């Protein structure tokens, strides 16, 4: 576990990240800038994304209303085995080496709203969503679904730039087996309390995200996850911009050319809310080294793996077994 002296030494300068303008009509210019950011640290800002401030504010307003409900009410929509619904405090532990109990956060998962007789209905990560009772939170669902669709649109736009940055066709990731039918999850998050790294208490432990990429807000990142001791950098918010980070699946896909980056959240004693949007390829997508990321001198570093298999492993490793809630 980290001691206080180390923690103070590791934290933190303000990080300077590349800013990608999604309204730039010169896609290759944006792709070049994005490529440098992805090779450097895997974090960047996006602006002119088209998500209105009004919709964003509405989503946060509704998120706060949900987390303000009594725990008994929130537990009525406890997350299921397909990760839809409410995740209580300490439900997830992302850095067991340095955390004592788990993340001091509560969250709520929302995915693509599948329908009855959906061909993917029996597979992991596809499921009807769990929604709070309409009488308890009137009008809660509509702004969440609107925000979800907007975030999905932005992620797909970024994916086209990522494809160009990897010397692929812009629509490479649009295929049905990739982002044409994605596993996409929106996670509302509420942090509270004061973190104390010297005692293993974190709002969210150090981790890299599991999937392809994430739209998020975060406290600090560690650009080089292999260096010890870790050197953390604070990522400030920029009005009107989103922070985006790459996940481990894209690092595998790109043969390590693009980097997933460690990040964490330290609570400061005040309530903090964020909305993270995670996007991954389809359930059956075989994630293997992209053709432009390998050569005779740069052979694939990671074995091929089905997306749902990989995600299931990562979720099971980091979440409490649901049976524990049936015992309480």
C-alpha atoms as a PDB file:
ATOM      1  CA  UNK A   1       0.000   0.000   0.000  1.00  0.00           C
ATOM      2  CA  UNK A   2       1.140   3.561  -0.708  1.00  0.00           C
ATOM      3  CA  UNK A   3       2.504   5.507   2.233  1.00  0.00           C
ATOM      4  CA  UNK A   4       1.795   9.187   2.700  1.00  0.00           C
ATOM      5  CA  UNK A   5       5.295  10.377   1.773  1.00  0.00           C
ATOM      6  CA  UNK A   6       5.209   8.476  -1.496  1.00  0.00           C
ATOM      7  CA  UNK A   7       1.703   9.688  -2.265  1.00  0.00           C
ATOM      8  CA  UNK A   8       2.632  13.318  -1.768  1.00  0.00           C
ATOM      9  CA  UNK A   9       5.688  12.845  -3.952  1.00  0.00           C
ATOM     10  CA  UNK A  10       3.691  11.212  -6.730  1.00  0.00           C
ATOM     11  CA  UNK A  11       1.039  13.937  -6.902  1.00  0.00           C
ATOM     12  CA  UNK A  12       0.746  16.043  -9.086  1.00  0.00           C
ATOM     13  CA  UNK A  13       1.344  18.529 -11.822  1.00  0.00           C
ATOM     14  CA  UNK A  14      -1.389  19.831 -14.084  1.00  0.00           C
ATOM     15  CA  UNK A  15      -1.547  17.768 -17.254  1.00  0.00           C
ATOM     16  CA  UNK A  16      -1.510  19.390 -20.683  1.00  0.00           C
ATOM     17  CA  UNK A  17      -3.574  17.336 -23.100  1.00  0.00           C
ATOM     18  CA  UNK A  18      -4.180  17.589 -26.842  1.00  0.00           C
ATOM     19  CA  UNK A  19      -7.512  19.142 -27.809  1.00  0.00           C
ATOM     20  CA  UNK A  20      -9.324  17.616 -30.809  1.00  0.00           C
ATOM     21  CA  UNK A  21     -11.893  19.783 -32.583  1.00  0.00           C
ATOM     22  CA  UNK A  22     -14.590  17.471 -33.939  1.00  0.00           C
ATOM     23  CA  UNK A  23     -15.854  20.264 -36.199  1.00  0.00           C
ATOM     24  CA  UNK A  24     -12.552  20.420 -38.073  1.00  0.00           C
ATOM     25  CA  UNK A  25     -13.258  19.451 -41.689  1.00  0.00           C
ATOM     26  CA  UNK A  26      -9.624  18.439 -42.214  1.00  0.00           C
ATOM     27  CA  UNK A  27      -9.976  14.940 -40.798  1.00  0.00           C
ATOM     28  CA  UNK A  28      -6.393  13.979 -41.549  1.00  0.00           C
ATOM     29  CA  UNK A  29      -5.091  16.954 -39.597  1.00  0.00           C
ATOM     30  CA  UNK A  30      -7.231  15.922 -36.627  1.00  0.00           C
ATOM     31  CA  UNK A  31      -6.122  12.309 -37.010  1.00  0.00           C
ATOM     32  CA  UNK A  32      -2.455  13.342 -36.908  1.00  0.00           C
ATOM     33  CA  UNK A  33      -2.999  15.287 -33.691  1.00  0.00           C
ATOM     34  CA  UNK A  34      -4.989  12.420 -32.233  1.00  0.00           C
ATOM     35  CA  UNK A  35      -2.300   9.890 -33.136  1.00  0.00           C
ATOM     36  CA  UNK A  36       0.300  11.815 -31.165  1.00  0.00           C
ATOM     37  CA  UNK A  37      -2.006  12.018 -28.145  1.00  0.00           C
ATOM     38  CA  UNK A  38      -2.773   8.293 -28.307  1.00  0.00           C
ATOM     39  CA  UNK A  39       0.898   7.379 -28.473  1.00  0.00           C
ATOM     40  CA  UNK A  40       1.801   9.779 -25.682  1.00  0.00           C
ATOM     41  CA  UNK A  41      -0.744   9.042 -22.965  1.00  0.00           C
ATOM     42  CA  UNK A  42      -4.087   7.919 -24.408  1.00  0.00           C
ATOM     43  CA  UNK A  43      -5.952  10.940 -22.996  1.00  0.00           C
ATOM     44  CA  UNK A  44      -7.239  13.974 -24.914  1.00  0.00           C
ATOM     45  CA  UNK A  45     -10.012  16.570 -24.974  1.00  0.00           C
ATOM     46  CA  UNK A  46     -12.708  16.861 -27.640  1.00  0.00           C
ATOM     47  CA  UNK A  47     -14.541  20.098 -28.434  1.00  0.00           C
ATOM     48  CA  UNK A  48     -17.399  21.011 -30.787  1.00  0.00           C
ATOM     49  CA  UNK A  49     -18.898  17.588 -30.128  1.00  0.00           C
ATOM     50  CA  UNK A  50     -22.504  18.713 -30.520  1.00  0.00           C
ATOM     51  CA  UNK A  51     -23.780  17.681 -27.072  1.00  0.00           C
ATOM     52  CA  UNK A  52     -25.722  20.672 -25.846  1.00  0.00           C
ATOM     53  CA  UNK A  53     -24.961  22.171 -22.457  1.00  0.00           C
ATOM     54  CA  UNK A  54     -28.697  22.042 -21.716  1.00  0.00           C
ATOM     55  CA  UNK A  55     -28.833  18.262 -22.244  1.00  0.00           C
ATOM     56  CA  UNK A  56     -25.658  17.714 -20.237  1.00  0.00           C
ATOM     57  CA  UNK A  57     -26.998  19.783 -17.340  1.00  0.00           C
ATOM     58  CA  UNK A  58     -30.314  17.932 -17.441  1.00  0.00           C
ATOM     59  CA  UNK A  59     -28.561  14.559 -17.294  1.00  0.00           C
ATOM     60  CA  UNK A  60     -26.515  15.648 -14.274  1.00  0.00           C
ATOM     61  CA  UNK A  61     -29.615  17.081 -12.587  1.00  0.00           C
ATOM     62  CA  UNK A  62     -31.448  13.777 -12.968  1.00  0.00           C
ATOM     63  CA  UNK A  63     -28.389  11.814 -11.845  1.00  0.00           C
ATOM     64  CA  UNK A  64     -28.241  13.811  -8.592  1.00  0.00           C
ATOM     65  CA  UNK A  65     -31.938  13.148  -7.999  1.00  0.00           C
ATOM     66  CA  UNK A  66     -31.384   9.406  -8.243  1.00  0.00           C
ATOM     67  CA  UNK A  67     -28.423   9.316  -5.864  1.00  0.00           C
ATOM     68  CA  UNK A  68     -30.357  11.463  -3.364  1.00  0.00           C
ATOM     69  CA  UNK A  69     -32.944   8.678  -2.991  1.00  0.00           C
ATOM     70  CA  UNK A  70     -32.894   6.498   0.153  1.00  0.00           C
ATOM     71  CA  UNK A  71     -30.630   3.458  -0.200  1.00  0.00           C
ATOM     72  CA  UNK A  72     -33.660   1.165   0.117  1.00  0.00           C
ATOM     73  CA  UNK A  73     -35.178   2.753  -2.996  1.00  0.00           C
ATOM     74  CA  UNK A  74     -31.934   2.550  -4.968  1.00  0.00           C
ATOM     75  CA  UNK A  75     -31.481  -1.117  -4.060  1.00  0.00           C
ATOM     76  CA  UNK A  76     -34.775  -1.876  -5.817  1.00  0.00           C
ATOM     77  CA  UNK A  77     -32.837  -1.464  -9.079  1.00  0.00           C
ATOM     78  CA  UNK A  78     -29.655  -3.242  -7.915  1.00  0.00           C
ATOM     79  CA  UNK A  79     -27.451  -4.097 -10.882  1.00  0.00           C
ATOM     80  CA  UNK A  80     -28.064  -7.468 -12.488  1.00  0.00           C
ATOM     81  CA  UNK A  81     -25.581  -9.961 -13.918  1.00  0.00           C
ATOM     82  CA  UNK A  82     -25.559  -8.022 -17.193  1.00  0.00           C
ATOM     83  CA  UNK A  83     -24.518  -4.812 -15.459  1.00  0.00           C
ATOM     84  CA  UNK A  84     -27.674  -2.778 -15.661  1.00  0.00           C
ATOM     85  CA  UNK A  85     -28.817  -0.775 -12.651  1.00  0.00           C
ATOM     86  CA  UNK A  86     -27.480   0.436  -9.318  1.00  0.00           C
ATOM     87  CA  UNK A  87     -23.994  -0.321  -7.998  1.00  0.00           C
ATOM     88  CA  UNK A  88     -23.596   0.516  -4.265  1.00  0.00           C
ATOM     89  CA  UNK A  89     -20.563   1.966  -2.495  1.00  0.00           C
ATOM     90  CA  UNK A  90     -17.691  -0.569  -2.275  1.00  0.00           C
ATOM     91  CA  UNK A  91     -19.279  -2.702  -5.033  1.00  0.00           C
ATOM     92  CA  UNK A  92     -16.110  -2.375  -7.113  1.00  0.00           C
ATOM     93  CA  UNK A  93     -12.415  -2.556  -6.253  1.00  0.00           C
ATOM     94  CA  UNK A  94     -10.138  -1.475  -9.094  1.00  0.00           C
ATOM     95  CA  UNK A  95      -6.758  -1.371  -7.352  1.00  0.00           C
ATOM     96  CA  UNK A  96      -6.725  -4.191  -4.768  1.00  0.00           C
ATOM     97  CA  UNK A  97      -2.998  -3.779  -4.211  1.00  0.00           C
ATOM     98  CA  UNK A  98      -3.543  -0.292  -2.794  1.00  0.00           C
ATOM     99  CA  UNK A  99      -7.206  -0.294  -1.702  1.00  0.00           C
ATOM    100  CA  UNK A 100      -8.547  -1.678   1.561  1.00  0.00           C
ATOM    101  CA  UNK A 101     -12.277  -2.146   0.880  1.00  0.00           C
ATOM    102  CA  UNK A 102     -13.149  -0.835  -2.565  1.00  0.00           C
ATOM    103  CA  UNK A 103     -14.206   2.324  -4.401  1.00  0.00           C
ATOM    104  CA  UNK A 104     -16.042   4.935  -2.331  1.00  0.00           C
ATOM    105  CA  UNK A 105     -18.515   5.620  -5.109  1.00  0.00           C
ATOM    106  CA  UNK A 106     -22.006   4.582  -6.078  1.00  0.00           C
ATOM    107  CA  UNK A 107     -23.093   4.356  -9.681  1.00  0.00           C
ATOM    108  CA  UNK A 108     -25.856   3.442 -12.086  1.00  0.00           C
ATOM    109  CA  UNK A 109     -25.367   1.511 -15.355  1.00  0.00           C
ATOM    110  CA  UNK A 110     -27.404   2.190 -18.511  1.00  0.00           C
ATOM    111  CA  UNK A 111     -26.856   0.294 -21.770  1.00  0.00           C
ATOM    112  CA  UNK A 112     -28.421   0.029 -25.199  1.00  0.00           C
ATOM    113  CA  UNK A 113     -32.094  -0.658 -24.614  1.00  0.00           C
ATOM    114  CA  UNK A 114     -32.602  -4.147 -26.032  1.00  0.00           C
ATOM    115  CA  UNK A 115     -36.073  -5.339 -26.923  1.00  0.00           C
ATOM    116  CA  UNK A 116     -37.957  -8.585 -26.456  1.00  0.00           C
ATOM    117  CA  UNK A 117     -36.650 -11.359 -28.763  1.00  0.00           C
ATOM    118  CA  UNK A 118     -33.412  -9.417 -29.312  1.00  0.00           C
ATOM    119  CA  UNK A 119     -30.957 -11.879 -30.986  1.00  0.00           C
ATOM    120  CA  UNK A 120     -28.308 -10.791 -28.474  1.00  0.00           C
ATOM    121  CA  UNK A 121     -30.655 -11.146 -25.506  1.00  0.00           C
ATOM    122  CA  UNK A 122     -28.947 -14.167 -23.985  1.00  0.00           C
ATOM    123  CA  UNK A 123     -25.412 -12.780 -24.267  1.00  0.00           C
ATOM    124  CA  UNK A 124     -23.446 -10.792 -21.666  1.00  0.00           C
ATOM    125  CA  UNK A 125     -23.860  -7.006 -21.679  1.00  0.00           C
ATOM    126  CA  UNK A 126     -27.107  -7.001 -23.710  1.00  0.00           C
ATOM    127  CA  UNK A 127     -30.235  -6.594 -21.629  1.00  0.00           C
ATOM    128  CA  UNK A 128     -33.257  -4.375 -21.072  1.00  0.00           C
ATOM    129  CA  UNK A 129     -32.290  -1.536 -18.752  1.00  0.00           C
ATOM    130  CA  UNK A 130     -33.446  -1.254 -15.168  1.00  0.00           C
ATOM    131  CA  UNK A 131     -35.180   2.064 -14.530  1.00  0.00           C
ATOM    132  CA  UNK A 132     -36.233   3.767 -11.280  1.00  0.00           C
ATOM    133  CA  UNK A 133     -39.957   3.719 -10.624  1.00  0.00           C
ATOM    134  CA  UNK A 134     -41.684   6.377 -12.726  1.00  0.00           C
ATOM    135  CA  UNK A 135     -43.667   7.535  -9.709  1.00  0.00           C
ATOM    136  CA  UNK A 136     -40.457   8.027  -7.719  1.00  0.00           C
ATOM    137  CA  UNK A 137     -38.492   9.885 -10.416  1.00  0.00           C
ATOM    138  CA  UNK A 138     -40.956  11.375 -12.869  1.00  0.00           C
ATOM    139  CA  UNK A 139     -39.462  11.947 -16.313  1.00  0.00           C
ATOM    140  CA  UNK A 140     -36.063  10.496 -15.350  1.00  0.00           C
ATOM    141  CA  UNK A 141     -35.612   8.066 -18.227  1.00  0.00           C
ATOM    142  CA  UNK A 142     -36.063  10.389 -21.237  1.00  0.00           C
ATOM    143  CA  UNK A 143     -33.079  12.737 -20.694  1.00  0.00           C
ATOM    144  CA  UNK A 144     -30.859   9.761 -19.851  1.00  0.00           C
ATOM    145  CA  UNK A 145     -31.723   8.032 -23.123  1.00  0.00           C
ATOM    146  CA  UNK A 146     -31.169  11.256 -25.073  1.00  0.00           C
ATOM    147  CA  UNK A 147     -27.788  11.818 -23.460  1.00  0.00           C
ATOM    148  CA  UNK A 148     -26.859   8.181 -24.109  1.00  0.00           C
ATOM    149  CA  UNK A 149     -27.581   8.494 -27.834  1.00  0.00           C
ATOM    150  CA  UNK A 150     -25.611  11.728 -28.100  1.00  0.00           C
ATOM    151  CA  UNK A 151     -22.596  10.252 -26.312  1.00  0.00           C
ATOM    152  CA  UNK A 152     -22.736   7.209 -28.597  1.00  0.00           C
ATOM    153  CA  UNK A 153     -22.743   9.491 -31.649  1.00  0.00           C
ATOM    154  CA  UNK A 154     -19.672  11.351 -30.395  1.00  0.00           C
ATOM    155  CA  UNK A 155     -17.790   8.115 -29.688  1.00  0.00           C
ATOM    156  CA  UNK A 156     -18.442   6.871 -33.207  1.00  0.00           C
ATOM    157  CA  UNK A 157     -17.124  10.170 -34.625  1.00  0.00           C
ATOM    158  CA  UNK A 158     -13.954   9.804 -32.554  1.00  0.00           C
ATOM    159  CA  UNK A 159     -13.610   6.181 -33.716  1.00  0.00           C
ATOM    160  CA  UNK A 160     -13.415   7.378 -37.326  1.00  0.00           C
ATOM    161  CA  UNK A 161     -10.495   9.636 -36.423  1.00  0.00           C
ATOM    162  CA  UNK A 162      -8.873   6.771 -34.537  1.00  0.00           C
ATOM    163  CA  UNK A 163      -9.163   4.614 -37.653  1.00  0.00           C
ATOM    164  CA  UNK A 164      -7.404   7.253 -39.764  1.00  0.00           C
ATOM    165  CA  UNK A 165      -4.737   7.634 -37.081  1.00  0.00           C
ATOM    166  CA  UNK A 166      -4.102   3.873 -37.374  1.00  0.00           C
ATOM    167  CA  UNK A 167      -3.803   4.120 -41.190  1.00  0.00           C
ATOM    168  CA  UNK A 168      -7.154   2.415 -41.693  1.00  0.00           C
ATOM    169  CA  UNK A 169     -10.191   3.565 -43.677  1.00  0.00           C
ATOM    170  CA  UNK A 170     -12.277   6.067 -41.723  1.00  0.00           C
ATOM    171  CA  UNK A 171     -15.250   3.679 -41.599  1.00  0.00           C
ATOM    172  CA  UNK A 172     -13.188   0.664 -40.492  1.00  0.00           C
ATOM    173  CA  UNK A 173     -14.761   0.484 -37.030  1.00  0.00           C
ATOM    174  CA  UNK A 174     -18.285   1.065 -38.396  1.00  0.00           C
ATOM    175  CA  UNK A 175     -18.664  -2.602 -39.330  1.00  0.00           C
ATOM    176  CA  UNK A 176     -21.587  -4.503 -37.737  1.00  0.00           C
ATOM    177  CA  UNK A 177     -19.213  -6.761 -35.797  1.00  0.00           C
ATOM    178  CA  UNK A 178     -17.463  -3.714 -34.370  1.00  0.00           C
ATOM    179  CA  UNK A 179     -19.218  -0.425 -33.565  1.00  0.00           C
ATOM    180  CA  UNK A 180     -22.173  -1.100 -35.837  1.00  0.00           C
ATOM    181  CA  UNK A 181     -23.601  -3.092 -32.934  1.00  0.00           C
ATOM    182  CA  UNK A 182     -21.521  -1.980 -29.960  1.00  0.00           C
ATOM    183  CA  UNK A 183     -21.461  -2.794 -26.286  1.00  0.00           C
ATOM    184  CA  UNK A 184     -21.942   0.735 -24.980  1.00  0.00           C
ATOM    185  CA  UNK A 185     -22.517   1.546 -21.327  1.00  0.00           C
ATOM    186  CA  UNK A 186     -23.251   4.871 -19.655  1.00  0.00           C
ATOM    187  CA  UNK A 187     -22.360   5.039 -15.980  1.00  0.00           C
ATOM    188  CA  UNK A 188     -23.679   7.727 -13.665  1.00  0.00           C
ATOM    189  CA  UNK A 189     -21.289   8.111 -10.732  1.00  0.00           C
ATOM    190  CA  UNK A 190     -21.495   9.777  -7.324  1.00  0.00           C
ATOM    191  CA  UNK A 191     -18.402  10.176  -5.129  1.00  0.00           C
ATOM    192  CA  UNK A 192     -18.504  11.314  -1.542  1.00  0.00           C
ATOM    193  CA  UNK A 193     -16.151  11.385   1.418  1.00  0.00           C
ATOM    194  CA  UNK A 194     -12.465  12.150   1.803  1.00  0.00           C
ATOM    195  CA  UNK A 195      -9.859   9.930   0.193  1.00  0.00           C
ATOM    196  CA  UNK A 196      -6.743   8.960   2.113  1.00  0.00           C
ATOM    197  CA  UNK A 197      -4.283   6.997  -0.054  1.00  0.00           C
ATOM    198  CA  UNK A 198      -2.109   6.271   2.995  1.00  0.00           C
ATOM    199  CA  UNK A 199      -5.038   4.251   4.397  1.00  0.00           C
ATOM    200  CA  UNK A 200      -6.095   2.696   1.090  1.00  0.00           C
ATOM    201  CA  UNK A 201      -9.173   4.911   0.717  1.00  0.00           C
ATOM    202  CA  UNK A 202      -9.939   6.152  -2.800  1.00  0.00           C
ATOM    203  CA  UNK A 203     -13.014   7.498  -4.542  1.00  0.00           C
ATOM    204  CA  UNK A 204     -11.942   5.301  -7.425  1.00  0.00           C
ATOM    205  CA  UNK A 205      -8.781   3.207  -7.389  1.00  0.00           C
ATOM    206  CA  UNK A 206      -6.088   3.459 -10.050  1.00  0.00           C
ATOM    207  CA  UNK A 207      -7.084   1.561 -13.176  1.00  0.00           C
ATOM    208  CA  UNK A 208      -7.147   1.608 -16.935  1.00  0.00           C
ATOM    209  CA  UNK A 209     -10.545   1.217 -18.582  1.00  0.00           C
ATOM    210  CA  UNK A 210     -11.489  -2.146 -20.020  1.00  0.00           C
ATOM    211  CA  UNK A 211     -12.890  -1.276 -23.443  1.00  0.00           C
ATOM    212  CA  UNK A 212     -12.125   0.789 -26.522  1.00  0.00           C
ATOM    213  CA  UNK A 213     -12.578   4.334 -25.226  1.00  0.00           C
ATOM    214  CA  UNK A 214     -14.419   6.419 -22.647  1.00  0.00           C
ATOM    215  CA  UNK A 215     -15.885   9.919 -22.436  1.00  0.00           C
ATOM    216  CA  UNK A 216     -15.319  10.970 -18.847  1.00  0.00           C
ATOM    217  CA  UNK A 217     -14.293  13.419 -16.160  1.00  0.00           C
ATOM    218  CA  UNK A 218     -11.399  12.403 -13.895  1.00  0.00           C
ATOM    219  CA  UNK A 219      -9.124  13.730 -11.173  1.00  0.00           C
ATOM    220  CA  UNK A 220      -5.703  12.548 -12.216  1.00  0.00           C
ATOM    221  CA  UNK A 221      -3.888  10.317 -14.690  1.00  0.00           C
ATOM    222  CA  UNK A 222      -0.599   8.451 -14.731  1.00  0.00           C
ATOM    223  CA  UNK A 223       0.874   8.739 -18.229  1.00  0.00           C
ATOM    224  CA  UNK A 224       3.334   5.863 -17.847  1.00  0.00           C
ATOM    225  CA  UNK A 225       1.696   3.005 -15.965  1.00  0.00           C
ATOM    226  CA  UNK A 226       4.891   0.914 -15.941  1.00  0.00           C
ATOM    227  CA  UNK A 227       7.044   3.474 -14.135  1.00  0.00           C
ATOM    228  CA  UNK A 228       7.468   3.169 -10.352  1.00  0.00           C
ATOM    229  CA  UNK A 229       6.814   5.241  -8.373  1.00  0.00           C
ATOM    230  CA  UNK A 230       3.815   6.467 -10.334  1.00  0.00           C
ATOM    231  CA  UNK A 231       3.709  10.146 -11.237  1.00  0.00           C
ATOM    232  CA  UNK A 232       0.163  11.481 -11.285  1.00  0.00           C
ATOM    233  CA  UNK A 233      -1.068  14.481 -13.245  1.00  0.00           C
ATOM    234  CA  UNK A 234      -4.246  16.451 -12.612  1.00  0.00           C
ATOM    235  CA  UNK A 235      -6.561  16.821 -15.619  1.00  0.00           C
ATOM    236  CA  UNK A 236      -8.519  20.074 -15.349  1.00  0.00           C
ATOM    237  CA  UNK A 237     -11.981  20.459 -16.824  1.00  0.00           C
ATOM    238  CA  UNK A 238     -12.366  22.718 -19.852  1.00  0.00           C
ATOM    239  CA  UNK A 239     -15.773  24.308 -20.315  1.00  0.00           C
ATOM    240  CA  UNK A 240     -17.575  22.776 -23.267  1.00  0.00           C
ATOM    241  CA  UNK A 241     -15.020  19.974 -23.698  1.00  0.00           C
ATOM    242  CA  UNK A 242     -15.050  16.299 -22.833  1.00  0.00           C
ATOM    243  CA  UNK A 243     -12.080  14.263 -21.671  1.00  0.00           C
ATOM    244  CA  UNK A 244     -11.582  11.043 -23.614  1.00  0.00           C
ATOM    245  CA  UNK A 245      -9.329   8.155 -22.717  1.00  0.00           C
ATOM    246  CA  UNK A 246      -8.405   4.969 -24.504  1.00  0.00           C
ATOM    247  CA  UNK A 247      -9.087   1.577 -22.985  1.00  0.00           C
ATOM    248  CA  UNK A 248      -7.217  -1.704 -22.820  1.00  0.00           C
ATOM    249  CA  UNK A 249      -9.047  -3.288 -25.768  1.00  0.00           C
ATOM    250  CA  UNK A 250      -7.788  -0.562 -28.108  1.00  0.00           C
ATOM    251  CA  UNK A 251      -4.256  -1.012 -26.753  1.00  0.00           C
ATOM    252  CA  UNK A 252      -4.559  -4.713 -27.656  1.00  0.00           C
ATOM    253  CA  UNK A 253      -6.092  -3.939 -31.047  1.00  0.00           C
ATOM    254  CA  UNK A 254      -3.280  -1.505 -31.878  1.00  0.00           C
ATOM    255  CA  UNK A 255      -0.547  -3.868 -30.654  1.00  0.00           C
ATOM    256  CA  UNK A 256       0.449  -1.413 -27.945  1.00  0.00           C
ATOM    257  CA  UNK A 257       0.934   1.498 -30.348  1.00  0.00           C
ATOM    258  CA  UNK A 258      -1.928   3.368 -28.687  1.00  0.00           C
ATOM    259  CA  UNK A 259      -1.859   3.475 -24.894  1.00  0.00           C
ATOM    260  CA  UNK A 260      -4.493   2.947 -22.252  1.00  0.00           C
ATOM    261  CA  UNK A 261      -3.709   5.073 -19.222  1.00  0.00           C
ATOM    262  CA  UNK A 262      -4.113   4.653 -15.487  1.00  0.00           C
ATOM    263  CA  UNK A 263      -6.467   7.113 -13.837  1.00  0.00           C
ATOM    264  CA  UNK A 264      -8.120   7.455 -10.438  1.00  0.00           C
ATOM    265  CA  UNK A 265     -10.370   9.700  -8.354  1.00  0.00           C
ATOM    266  CA  UNK A 266      -9.473  11.219  -4.990  1.00  0.00           C
ATOM    267  CA  UNK A 267     -12.425  12.434  -2.914  1.00  0.00           C
ATOM    268  CA  UNK A 268     -12.056  15.858  -1.290  1.00  0.00           C
ATOM    269  CA  UNK A 269     -14.920  15.563   1.168  1.00  0.00           C
ATOM    270  CA  UNK A 270     -17.469  17.101  -1.197  1.00  0.00           C
ATOM    271  CA  UNK A 271     -20.081  15.398  -3.349  1.00  0.00           C
ATOM    272  CA  UNK A 272     -18.893  14.908  -6.900  1.00  0.00           C
ATOM    273  CA  UNK A 273     -20.858  13.609  -9.862  1.00  0.00           C
ATOM    274  CA  UNK A 274     -19.686  12.398 -13.245  1.00  0.00           C
ATOM    275  CA  UNK A 275     -21.103  10.609 -16.261  1.00  0.00           C
ATOM    276  CA  UNK A 276     -18.779   8.188 -18.019  1.00  0.00           C
ATOM    277  CA  UNK A 277     -19.630   6.604 -21.356  1.00  0.00           C
ATOM    278  CA  UNK A 278     -17.795   3.402 -22.300  1.00  0.00           C
ATOM    279  CA  UNK A 279     -17.826   1.986 -25.820  1.00  0.00           C
ATOM    280  CA  UNK A 280     -16.634  -1.424 -26.961  1.00  0.00           C
ATOM    281  CA  UNK A 281     -17.094  -3.451 -30.160  1.00  0.00           C
ATOM    282  CA  UNK A 282     -19.892  -5.979 -30.486  1.00  0.00           C
ATOM    283  CA  UNK A 283     -20.259  -9.053 -28.290  1.00  0.00           C
ATOM    284  CA  UNK A 284     -18.800 -11.452 -30.891  1.00  0.00           C
ATOM    285  CA  UNK A 285     -16.014  -9.203 -32.202  1.00  0.00           C
ATOM    286  CA  UNK A 286     -12.647 -10.968 -32.212  1.00  0.00           C
ATOM    287  CA  UNK A 287     -10.156  -8.395 -30.973  1.00  0.00           C
ATOM    288  CA  UNK A 288      -6.842  -9.177 -32.610  1.00  0.00           C
ATOM    289  CA  UNK A 289      -3.919  -7.134 -33.863  1.00  0.00           C
ATOM    290  CA  UNK A 290      -5.011  -4.714 -36.599  1.00  0.00           C
ATOM    291  CA  UNK A 291      -3.374  -5.265 -40.013  1.00  0.00           C
ATOM    292  CA  UNK A 292      -1.656  -1.868 -39.942  1.00  0.00           C
ATOM    293  CA  UNK A 293      -0.166  -2.452 -36.485  1.00  0.00           C
ATOM    294  CA  UNK A 294       2.001  -5.476 -37.212  1.00  0.00           C
ATOM    295  CA  UNK A 295       4.945  -6.405 -39.395  1.00  0.00           C
ATOM    296  CA  UNK A 296       7.786  -8.918 -39.566  1.00  0.00           C
ATOM    297  CA  UNK A 297       9.628  -6.804 -37.027  1.00  0.00           C
ATOM    298  CA  UNK A 298       6.555  -6.063 -34.905  1.00  0.00           C
ATOM    299  CA  UNK A 299       4.619  -9.272 -34.359  1.00  0.00           C
ATOM    300  CA  UNK A 300       1.295  -9.305 -32.458  1.00  0.00           C
ATOM    301  CA  UNK A 301       1.918  -8.948 -28.707  1.00  0.00           C
ATOM    302  CA  UNK A 302      -1.513 -10.064 -27.494  1.00  0.00           C
ATOM    303  CA  UNK A 303      -3.513 -13.213 -28.273  1.00  0.00           C
ATOM    304  CA  UNK A 304      -6.834 -12.749 -30.041  1.00  0.00           C
ATOM    305  CA  UNK A 305      -9.847 -12.717 -27.717  1.00  0.00           C
ATOM    306  CA  UNK A 306     -13.599 -12.269 -28.126  1.00  0.00           C
ATOM    307  CA  UNK A 307     -14.785  -8.927 -26.807  1.00  0.00           C
ATOM    308  CA  UNK A 308     -17.458 -10.314 -24.467  1.00  0.00           C
ATOM    309  CA  UNK A 309     -15.015 -12.866 -23.026  1.00  0.00           C
ATOM    310  CA  UNK A 310     -12.484 -10.176 -22.229  1.00  0.00           C
ATOM    311  CA  UNK A 311     -15.024  -7.789 -20.704  1.00  0.00           C
ATOM    312  CA  UNK A 312     -16.629 -10.536 -18.621  1.00  0.00           C
ATOM    313  CA  UNK A 313     -13.244 -11.439 -17.149  1.00  0.00           C
ATOM    314  CA  UNK A 314     -12.480  -7.820 -16.265  1.00  0.00           C
ATOM    315  CA  UNK A 315     -15.900  -7.130 -14.738  1.00  0.00           C
ATOM    316  CA  UNK A 316     -15.806 -10.291 -12.632  1.00  0.00           C
ATOM    317  CA  UNK A 317     -12.327  -9.443 -11.359  1.00  0.00           C
ATOM    318  CA  UNK A 318     -13.328  -5.970 -10.207  1.00  0.00           C
ATOM    319  CA  UNK A 319     -16.895  -6.348  -8.886  1.00  0.00           C
ATOM    320  CA  UNK A 320     -18.400  -7.894  -5.790  1.00  0.00           C
ATOM    321  CA  UNK A 321     -20.323 -11.125  -6.398  1.00  0.00           C
ATOM    322  CA  UNK A 322     -24.032 -10.273  -6.554  1.00  0.00           C
ATOM    323  CA  UNK A 323     -24.853 -13.094  -4.151  1.00  0.00           C
ATOM    324  CA  UNK A 324     -23.458 -11.023  -1.293  1.00  0.00           C
ATOM    325  CA  UNK A 325     -26.453  -8.672  -1.561  1.00  0.00           C
ATOM    326  CA  UNK A 326     -28.903 -11.560  -1.251  1.00  0.00           C
ATOM    327  CA  UNK A 327     -27.405 -12.386   2.128  1.00  0.00           C
ATOM    328  CA  UNK A 328     -28.080  -8.928   3.585  1.00  0.00           C
END
